[in-house]
Amino acid sequence: MKHHSESTCSHLRHLRRLLGITVLACAAMSVRAFAADAPAKAVSSCVACHTDSEKLKAEAAKVPAPLASALQAGKG
């Protein structure tokens, strides 16, 4: 037979868990709603320029290849 205080503790523990789950669920829904409401930012011209793969390949082709690495040249 349970004492009255054990039963009360069990109910309080259950209510605390339920409250915690509810708080976490509400927080997750509010974050998801906030992310959905945020407008998509336009890509700036700097980002577009620095991530253009064709332009990066053309720039990389202009860079001369080193004759030897510092390790191969005895400097490493």
C-alpha atoms as a PDB file:
ATOM      1  CA  MET A   1       0.000   0.000   0.000  1.00  0.00           C
ATOM      2  CA  LYS A   2       1.373   3.409  -0.991  1.00  0.00           C
ATOM      3  CA  HIS A   3       1.547   6.276   1.363  1.00  0.00           C
ATOM      4  CA  HIS A   4      -0.204   9.451   0.363  1.00  0.00           C
ATOM      5  CA  SER A   5       3.124  11.301  -0.021  1.00  0.00           C
ATOM      6  CA  GLU A   6       4.541   8.736  -2.492  1.00  0.00           C
ATOM      7  CA  SER A   7       1.468   9.060  -4.672  1.00  0.00           C
ATOM      8  CA  THR A   8       1.743  12.848  -4.620  1.00  0.00           C
ATOM      9  CA  CYS A   9       5.420  12.711  -5.587  1.00  0.00           C
ATOM     10  CA  SER A  10       4.596  10.391  -8.469  1.00  0.00           C
ATOM     11  CA  HIS A  11       1.933  12.757  -9.745  1.00  0.00           C
ATOM     12  CA  LEU A  12       4.225  15.760  -9.398  1.00  0.00           C
ATOM     13  CA  ARG A  13       6.999  13.954 -11.276  1.00  0.00           C
ATOM     14  CA  HIS A  14       4.543  13.095 -14.057  1.00  0.00           C
ATOM     15  CA  LEU A  15       3.305  16.687 -14.246  1.00  0.00           C
ATOM     16  CA  ARG A  16       6.869  18.053 -14.372  1.00  0.00           C
ATOM     17  CA  ARG A  17       7.742  15.721 -17.244  1.00  0.00           C
ATOM     18  CA  LEU A  18       4.590  16.707 -19.084  1.00  0.00           C
ATOM     19  CA  LEU A  19       5.344  20.383 -18.528  1.00  0.00           C
ATOM     20  CA  GLY A  20       8.926  19.946 -19.767  1.00  0.00           C
ATOM     21  CA  ILE A  21       7.794  18.129 -22.900  1.00  0.00           C
ATOM     22  CA  THR A  22       5.206  20.828 -23.562  1.00  0.00           C
ATOM     23  CA  VAL A  23       7.772  23.621 -23.169  1.00  0.00           C
ATOM     24  CA  LEU A  24      10.205  21.887 -25.540  1.00  0.00           C
ATOM     25  CA  ALA A  25       7.481  21.262 -28.116  1.00  0.00           C
ATOM     26  CA  CYS A  26       6.365  24.896 -28.004  1.00  0.00           C
ATOM     27  CA  ALA A  27       9.947  26.107 -28.349  1.00  0.00           C
ATOM     28  CA  ALA A  28      10.531  23.846 -31.351  1.00  0.00           C
ATOM     29  CA  MET A  29       7.346  25.047 -33.041  1.00  0.00           C
ATOM     30  CA  SER A  30       8.155  28.712 -32.444  1.00  0.00           C
ATOM     31  CA  VAL A  31      11.662  28.312 -33.885  1.00  0.00           C
ATOM     32  CA  ARG A  32      10.261  26.538 -36.922  1.00  0.00           C
ATOM     33  CA  ALA A  33       7.616  29.265 -37.396  1.00  0.00           C
ATOM     34  CA  PHE A  34      10.239  32.011 -37.047  1.00  0.00           C
ATOM     35  CA  ALA A  35      12.490  30.359 -39.623  1.00  0.00           C
ATOM     36  CA  ALA A  36       9.576  30.012 -42.047  1.00  0.00           C
ATOM     37  CA  ASP A  37       8.662  33.694 -41.669  1.00  0.00           C
ATOM     38  CA  ALA A  38      12.189  34.978 -42.278  1.00  0.00           C
ATOM     39  CA  PRO A  39      12.557  36.230 -45.851  1.00  0.00           C
ATOM     40  CA  ALA A  40      15.329  34.741 -47.946  1.00  0.00           C
ATOM     41  CA  LYS A  41      18.252  37.144 -48.265  1.00  0.00           C
ATOM     42  CA  ALA A  42      19.438  38.048 -51.711  1.00  0.00           C
ATOM     43  CA  VAL A  43      22.950  36.956 -52.599  1.00  0.00           C
ATOM     44  CA  SER A  44      25.264  39.933 -52.559  1.00  0.00           C
ATOM     45  CA  SER A  45      27.488  40.669 -55.528  1.00  0.00           C
ATOM     46  CA  CYS A  46      30.584  39.892 -53.426  1.00  0.00           C
ATOM     47  CA  VAL A  47      29.331  36.427 -52.547  1.00  0.00           C
ATOM     48  CA  ALA A  48      28.302  35.779 -56.137  1.00  0.00           C
ATOM     49  CA  CYS A  49      31.730  36.850 -57.417  1.00  0.00           C
ATOM     50  CA  HIS A  50      33.737  34.870 -54.866  1.00  0.00           C
ATOM     51  CA  THR A  51      31.741  31.672 -55.406  1.00  0.00           C
ATOM     52  CA  ASP A  52      31.538  31.743 -59.230  1.00  0.00           C
ATOM     53  CA  SER A  53      33.299  28.485 -60.129  1.00  0.00           C
ATOM     54  CA  GLU A  54      34.033  29.481 -63.740  1.00  0.00           C
ATOM     55  CA  LYS A  55      35.645  32.751 -62.667  1.00  0.00           C
ATOM     56  CA  LEU A  56      37.649  30.950 -59.972  1.00  0.00           C
ATOM     57  CA  LYS A  57      38.941  28.426 -62.519  1.00  0.00           C
ATOM     58  CA  ALA A  58      39.995  31.260 -64.866  1.00  0.00           C
ATOM     59  CA  GLU A  59      41.789  33.060 -62.006  1.00  0.00           C
ATOM     60  CA  ALA A  60      43.515  29.850 -60.883  1.00  0.00           C
ATOM     61  CA  ALA A  61      44.802  29.270 -64.415  1.00  0.00           C
ATOM     62  CA  LYS A  62      46.632  32.633 -64.254  1.00  0.00           C
ATOM     63  CA  VAL A  63      48.569  31.708 -61.094  1.00  0.00           C
ATOM     64  CA  PRO A  64      51.978  30.236 -61.967  1.00  0.00           C
ATOM     65  CA  ALA A  65      52.790  26.833 -60.518  1.00  0.00           C
ATOM     66  CA  PRO A  66      55.641  26.852 -57.987  1.00  0.00           C
ATOM     67  CA  LEU A  67      58.876  25.215 -59.097  1.00  0.00           C
ATOM     68  CA  ALA A  68      59.235  23.301 -55.860  1.00  0.00           C
ATOM     69  CA  SER A  69      57.633  23.277 -52.455  1.00  0.00           C
ATOM     70  CA  ALA A  70      59.488  24.570 -49.424  1.00  0.00           C
ATOM     71  CA  LEU A  71      59.990  20.975 -48.274  1.00  0.00           C
ATOM     72  CA  GLN A  72      61.463  19.896 -51.637  1.00  0.00           C
ATOM     73  CA  ALA A  73      63.693  22.972 -51.767  1.00  0.00           C
ATOM     74  CA  GLY A  74      65.239  22.107 -48.401  1.00  0.00           C
ATOM     75  CA  LYS A  75      63.574  24.999 -46.605  1.00  0.00           C
ATOM     76  CA  GLY A  76      60.974  22.940 -44.705  1.00  0.00           C
END
